[in-house]
Amino acid sequence: MRGTSATAAGPRPEQSPLVRRGTQVGTGVAIAIAITATFAIAFVHTRIAAAGDLSLVVRALVYATIGGALIAWLAVKHDVTSTFGAANAVTLARGVLALDLLALLGSPPSVALAWSIVALALIALVLDGVDGRVARRRGETSAFGARFDMETDALLILVLAALAWSLGKAGAWILLAGALRYLFIAAGVVLPWLRAQLPPSRRRQTVCVVQIASLILCLVPFVPPPVSAAIGFTGLVALTGSFAADVALLARRARD
């Protein structure tokens, strides 16, 4: 995790055509590998947890293609490095897991499917603590990396919330956990002061981890409703409070 808001980027360095070409090729190769990995994981799931549901593979490919296009757009907009980078590769692996979890929406429910969801989500959560460390140690921090990390977190929370609802672990209100980030962006269209830069925040990072972990615990097969709903509600309250604190901070800045 590299924070939940992109840090301000410094002056954009000039790149030679050769370096820029290398950046584009490296990003393209990473995206192609990610699409292949998304397909492979989805195919394995059709054999062990989705009762041969080949539509899962189709969904995974569609989502991976859309996700790859969005990553390419972000890279063109933000990336200033000559390689895709190890830290971004870790974030990309988390993105692959989030897309495979998204593809599992609509698959016939089963205990095997539930445990597969929990396993994928736990791996994604563990990797969430890796990419930031790698970026700092290797000097790979960038506006692209911060934004990529933030959007991956938002997607994972949205997908886990949707899975909790679809599997009957919580009511439709749990979807608010996944919608908060996008509601914040939408509000920024109407209220420009919400688009101001937020400083890095340990509180924001911690709450993000708590929210993801609570949703994973909510999805564990042996955690029944209403216990699962209570766990999900606790994470939602923490996340809502964190967003409220950020809005209050931005509002104070706007008045100054």
Protein backbone atom coordinates (compact mmCIF):
# COMPACT_ATOMS: atom_id res chain seq x y z
CA MET A 1 0.00 0.00 0.00
CA ARG A 2 1.31 3.40 -0.96
CA GLY A 3 -1.43 5.50 0.63
CA THR A 4 -4.93 6.21 -0.55
CA SER A 5 -4.19 9.40 -2.41
CA ALA A 6 -1.56 10.01 -5.04
CA THR A 7 1.27 12.22 -3.93
CA ALA A 8 2.06 15.24 -5.98
CA ALA A 9 4.46 14.45 -8.77
CA GLY A 10 7.57 16.52 -9.31
CA PRO A 11 8.61 18.07 -12.61
CA ARG A 12 8.17 15.60 -15.43
CA PRO A 13 11.63 14.63 -16.73
CA GLU A 14 12.34 14.61 -20.42
CA GLN A 15 12.53 11.15 -21.94
CA SER A 16 14.31 10.15 -25.07
CA PRO A 17 12.19 8.37 -27.70
CA LEU A 18 14.06 5.15 -26.93
CA VAL A 19 13.37 5.35 -23.18
CA ARG A 20 9.73 6.24 -23.79
CA ARG A 21 9.43 3.28 -26.14
CA GLY A 22 10.94 1.03 -23.47
CA THR A 23 8.36 2.27 -20.97
CA GLN A 24 5.51 1.49 -23.34
CA VAL A 25 6.84 -1.98 -24.18
CA GLY A 26 7.44 -2.83 -20.51
CA THR A 27 3.96 -1.72 -19.54
CA GLY A 28 2.43 -3.65 -22.46
CA VAL A 29 4.28 -6.83 -21.52
CA ALA A 30 3.18 -6.50 -17.88
CA ILE A 31 -0.45 -6.03 -18.93
CA ALA A 32 -0.29 -9.04 -21.28
CA ILE A 33 1.11 -11.22 -18.50
CA ALA A 34 -1.62 -9.97 -16.15
CA ILE A 35 -4.38 -10.83 -18.64
CA THR A 36 -2.89 -14.30 -19.08
CA ALA A 37 -2.67 -14.79 -15.31
CA THR A 38 -6.29 -13.66 -14.86
CA PHE A 39 -7.37 -16.22 -17.46
CA ALA A 40 -5.29 -19.00 -15.87
CA ILE A 41 -6.63 -18.40 -12.35
CA ALA A 42 -10.20 -18.26 -13.64
CA PHE A 43 -9.72 -21.52 -15.56
CA VAL A 44 -8.39 -23.25 -12.44
CA HIS A 45 -11.45 -22.03 -10.57
CA THR A 46 -13.75 -23.63 -13.14
CA ARG A 47 -12.18 -26.97 -12.24
CA ILE A 48 -12.04 -26.72 -8.44
CA ALA A 49 -14.71 -24.28 -7.28
CA ALA A 50 -17.09 -23.22 -10.04
CA ALA A 51 -18.49 -26.56 -11.23
CA GLY A 52 -17.11 -26.22 -14.76
CA ASP A 53 -18.70 -22.80 -15.27
CA LEU A 54 -16.80 -21.63 -18.37
CA SER A 55 -18.64 -18.31 -18.34
CA LEU A 56 -16.31 -17.48 -15.44
CA VAL A 57 -13.38 -17.57 -17.86
CA VAL A 58 -15.20 -15.32 -20.31
CA ARG A 59 -16.00 -12.81 -17.59
CA ALA A 60 -12.40 -12.86 -16.38
CA LEU A 61 -11.07 -12.17 -19.88
CA VAL A 62 -13.49 -9.30 -20.42
CA TYR A 63 -12.65 -7.71 -17.07
CA ALA A 64 -8.91 -8.24 -17.61
CA THR A 65 -9.05 -6.59 -21.04
CA ILE A 66 -10.91 -3.58 -19.66
CA GLY A 67 -8.54 -3.41 -16.70
CA GLY A 68 -5.52 -3.60 -18.97
CA ALA A 69 -6.81 -0.73 -21.07
CA LEU A 70 -7.34 1.40 -17.95
CA ILE A 71 -3.82 0.63 -16.69
CA ALA A 72 -2.36 1.58 -20.05
CA TRP A 73 -4.26 4.87 -19.92
CA LEU A 74 -2.97 5.59 -16.41
CA ALA A 75 0.58 4.73 -17.46
CA VAL A 76 0.44 7.13 -20.39
CA LYS A 77 -1.00 9.83 -18.14
CA HIS A 78 1.32 9.41 -15.14
CA ASP A 79 4.28 7.10 -15.63
CA VAL A 80 7.71 8.73 -15.95
CA THR A 81 9.95 5.74 -15.32
CA SER A 82 11.86 3.74 -17.91
CA THR A 83 10.47 0.41 -16.66
CA PHE A 84 7.15 -0.78 -15.25
CA GLY A 85 8.89 -1.51 -11.95
CA ALA A 86 8.75 -4.24 -9.32
CA ALA A 87 6.40 -2.28 -7.05
CA ASN A 88 3.89 -1.76 -9.85
CA ALA A 89 4.19 -5.46 -10.69
CA VAL A 90 3.11 -6.30 -7.14
CA THR A 91 0.16 -3.92 -7.43
CA LEU A 92 -0.68 -5.49 -10.79
CA ALA A 93 -0.73 -8.93 -9.16
CA ARG A 94 -3.26 -7.56 -6.65
CA GLY A 95 -5.27 -6.23 -9.57
CA VAL A 96 -5.30 -9.67 -11.17
CA LEU A 97 -6.67 -11.18 -7.96
CA ALA A 98 -9.33 -8.45 -7.69
CA LEU A 99 -10.45 -9.09 -11.28
CA ASP A 100 -10.65 -12.83 -10.70
CA LEU A 101 -12.73 -12.18 -7.59
CA LEU A 102 -14.98 -9.95 -9.70
CA ALA A 103 -15.35 -12.75 -12.25
CA LEU A 104 -16.50 -15.09 -9.46
CA LEU A 105 -19.59 -12.94 -8.98
CA GLY A 106 -22.43 -14.89 -10.53
CA SER A 107 -20.86 -18.33 -10.07
CA PRO A 108 -22.99 -20.94 -8.28
CA PRO A 109 -22.38 -20.61 -4.51
CA SER A 110 -20.56 -23.44 -2.74
CA VAL A 111 -18.22 -23.96 0.18
CA ALA A 112 -15.34 -24.49 -2.23
CA LEU A 113 -16.12 -21.23 -3.98
CA ALA A 114 -16.32 -19.37 -0.66
CA TRP A 115 -12.92 -20.65 0.45
CA SER A 116 -11.44 -19.78 -2.95
CA ILE A 117 -12.72 -16.23 -2.54
CA VAL A 118 -11.19 -15.99 0.93
CA ALA A 119 -7.85 -17.39 -0.28
CA LEU A 120 -7.57 -14.96 -3.20
CA ALA A 121 -8.59 -12.02 -1.02
CA LEU A 122 -6.06 -12.92 1.69
CA ILE A 123 -3.25 -13.05 -0.86
CA ALA A 124 -4.32 -9.65 -2.16
CA LEU A 125 -4.35 -8.26 1.38
CA VAL A 126 -0.85 -9.58 2.11
CA LEU A 127 0.48 -8.09 -1.13
CA ASP A 128 -1.11 -4.77 -0.15
CA GLY A 129 1.65 -4.40 2.44
CA VAL A 130 4.41 -5.26 -0.04
CA ASP A 131 4.17 -2.85 -2.98
CA GLY A 132 4.73 0.29 -0.90
CA ARG A 133 7.84 -1.12 0.76
CA VAL A 134 9.23 -2.25 -2.57
CA ALA A 135 8.58 1.17 -4.12
CA ARG A 136 10.38 2.99 -1.33
CA ARG A 137 13.35 0.62 -1.20
CA ARG A 138 13.84 0.62 -4.96
CA GLY A 139 13.13 4.32 -5.47
CA GLU A 140 10.10 3.52 -7.65
CA THR A 141 7.57 5.87 -6.04
CA SER A 142 5.59 7.78 -8.65
CA ALA A 143 2.24 9.44 -9.25
CA PHE A 144 1.28 6.50 -11.45
CA GLY A 145 2.18 3.97 -8.74
CA ALA A 146 0.24 5.81 -6.05
CA ARG A 147 -2.85 6.15 -8.25
CA PHE A 148 -2.59 2.53 -9.42
CA ASP A 149 -2.38 1.34 -5.82
CA MET A 150 -5.33 3.50 -4.75
CA GLU A 151 -7.61 2.33 -7.55
CA THR A 152 -6.67 -1.30 -6.92
CA ASP A 153 -7.62 -0.93 -3.26
CA ALA A 154 -10.93 0.67 -4.26
CA LEU A 155 -11.72 -2.11 -6.73
CA LEU A 156 -10.89 -4.84 -4.22
CA ILE A 157 -13.16 -3.30 -1.58
CA LEU A 158 -15.99 -2.90 -4.10
CA VAL A 159 -15.70 -6.51 -5.28
CA LEU A 160 -15.49 -7.97 -1.76
CA ALA A 161 -18.52 -5.93 -0.71
CA ALA A 162 -20.47 -7.17 -3.73
CA LEU A 163 -19.49 -10.76 -2.93
CA ALA A 164 -20.57 -10.35 0.70
CA TRP A 165 -23.96 -9.14 -0.47
CA SER A 166 -24.40 -11.75 -3.20
CA LEU A 167 -23.52 -14.60 -0.82
CA GLY A 168 -25.99 -13.37 1.78
CA LYS A 169 -23.34 -12.38 4.31
CA ALA A 170 -24.66 -8.83 4.64
CA GLY A 171 -27.47 -6.67 3.31
CA ALA A 172 -27.27 -4.37 0.30
CA TRP A 173 -25.96 -1.64 2.61
CA ILE A 174 -22.52 -3.31 2.51
CA LEU A 175 -22.18 -2.06 -1.08
CA LEU A 176 -21.67 1.41 0.36
CA ALA A 177 -18.19 0.29 1.42
CA GLY A 178 -17.26 -0.20 -2.23
CA ALA A 179 -19.15 2.87 -3.43
CA LEU A 180 -17.61 5.46 -1.06
CA ARG A 181 -14.49 6.02 -3.15
CA TYR A 182 -16.51 6.54 -6.32
CA LEU A 183 -19.07 8.76 -4.58
CA PHE A 184 -16.15 10.88 -3.35
CA ILE A 185 -14.87 11.23 -6.93
CA ALA A 186 -18.36 12.08 -8.21
CA ALA A 187 -18.80 14.72 -5.50
CA GLY A 188 -15.52 16.26 -6.62
CA VAL A 189 -17.07 17.01 -10.00
CA VAL A 190 -19.64 19.22 -8.29
CA LEU A 191 -17.39 20.47 -5.47
CA PRO A 192 -13.92 21.20 -6.90
CA TRP A 193 -12.38 21.64 -3.43
CA LEU A 194 -12.78 17.89 -2.92
CA ARG A 195 -10.22 17.35 -5.67
CA ALA A 196 -7.45 19.06 -3.69
CA GLN A 197 -4.37 17.04 -2.73
CA LEU A 198 -4.62 15.06 0.50
CA PRO A 199 -1.46 14.49 2.56
CA PRO A 200 -0.26 10.93 3.20
CA SER A 201 -2.11 9.48 6.17
CA ARG A 202 -1.34 6.47 8.36
CA ARG A 203 -4.95 6.58 9.53
CA ARG A 204 -6.17 6.27 5.94
CA GLN A 205 -3.87 3.32 5.25
CA THR A 206 -4.87 1.53 8.44
CA VAL A 207 -8.59 1.96 7.83
CA CYS A 208 -8.19 0.61 4.29
CA VAL A 209 -6.56 -2.56 5.65
CA VAL A 210 -9.22 -2.86 8.36
CA GLN A 211 -11.99 -2.55 5.76
CA ILE A 212 -10.50 -5.21 3.49
CA ALA A 213 -9.79 -7.55 6.41
CA SER A 214 -13.32 -7.14 7.79
CA LEU A 215 -14.83 -8.01 4.42
CA ILE A 216 -12.62 -11.09 4.13
CA LEU A 217 -13.64 -12.23 7.63
CA CYS A 218 -17.25 -11.57 6.69
CA LEU A 219 -16.84 -13.96 3.73
CA VAL A 220 -15.32 -16.86 5.69
CA PRO A 221 -17.76 -19.80 5.31
CA PHE A 222 -18.05 -20.61 9.02
CA VAL A 223 -18.88 -16.99 9.98
CA PRO A 224 -22.70 -16.90 9.78
CA PRO A 225 -25.08 -13.98 9.49
CA PRO A 226 -25.75 -11.87 11.51
CA VAL A 227 -22.17 -12.11 12.83
CA SER A 228 -20.82 -11.55 9.33
CA ALA A 229 -23.07 -8.52 8.92
CA ALA A 230 -21.85 -7.05 12.21
CA ILE A 231 -18.24 -7.48 11.12
CA GLY A 232 -18.96 -5.87 7.77
CA PHE A 233 -20.79 -3.01 9.46
CA THR A 234 -17.81 -2.35 11.74
CA GLY A 235 -15.50 -2.00 8.75
CA LEU A 236 -17.98 0.25 6.97
CA VAL A 237 -18.22 2.56 9.99
CA ALA A 238 -14.42 2.85 10.11
CA LEU A 239 -14.20 3.59 6.38
CA THR A 240 -17.03 6.13 6.51
CA GLY A 241 -15.34 7.89 9.40
CA SER A 242 -12.06 8.04 7.47
CA PHE A 243 -13.74 9.59 4.43
CA ALA A 244 -15.58 12.04 6.70
CA ALA A 245 -12.25 13.10 8.25
CA ASP A 246 -10.78 13.72 4.77
CA VAL A 247 -13.81 15.72 3.67
CA ALA A 248 -13.62 17.81 6.84
CA LEU A 249 -9.92 18.48 6.23
CA LEU A 250 -10.53 19.56 2.63
CA ALA A 251 -13.47 21.73 3.70
CA ARG A 252 -11.30 23.56 6.25
CA ARG A 253 -8.64 24.13 3.61
CA ALA A 254 -11.23 25.47 1.19
CA ARG A 255 -12.43 28.02 3.78
CA ASP A 256 -8.89 29.24 4.57
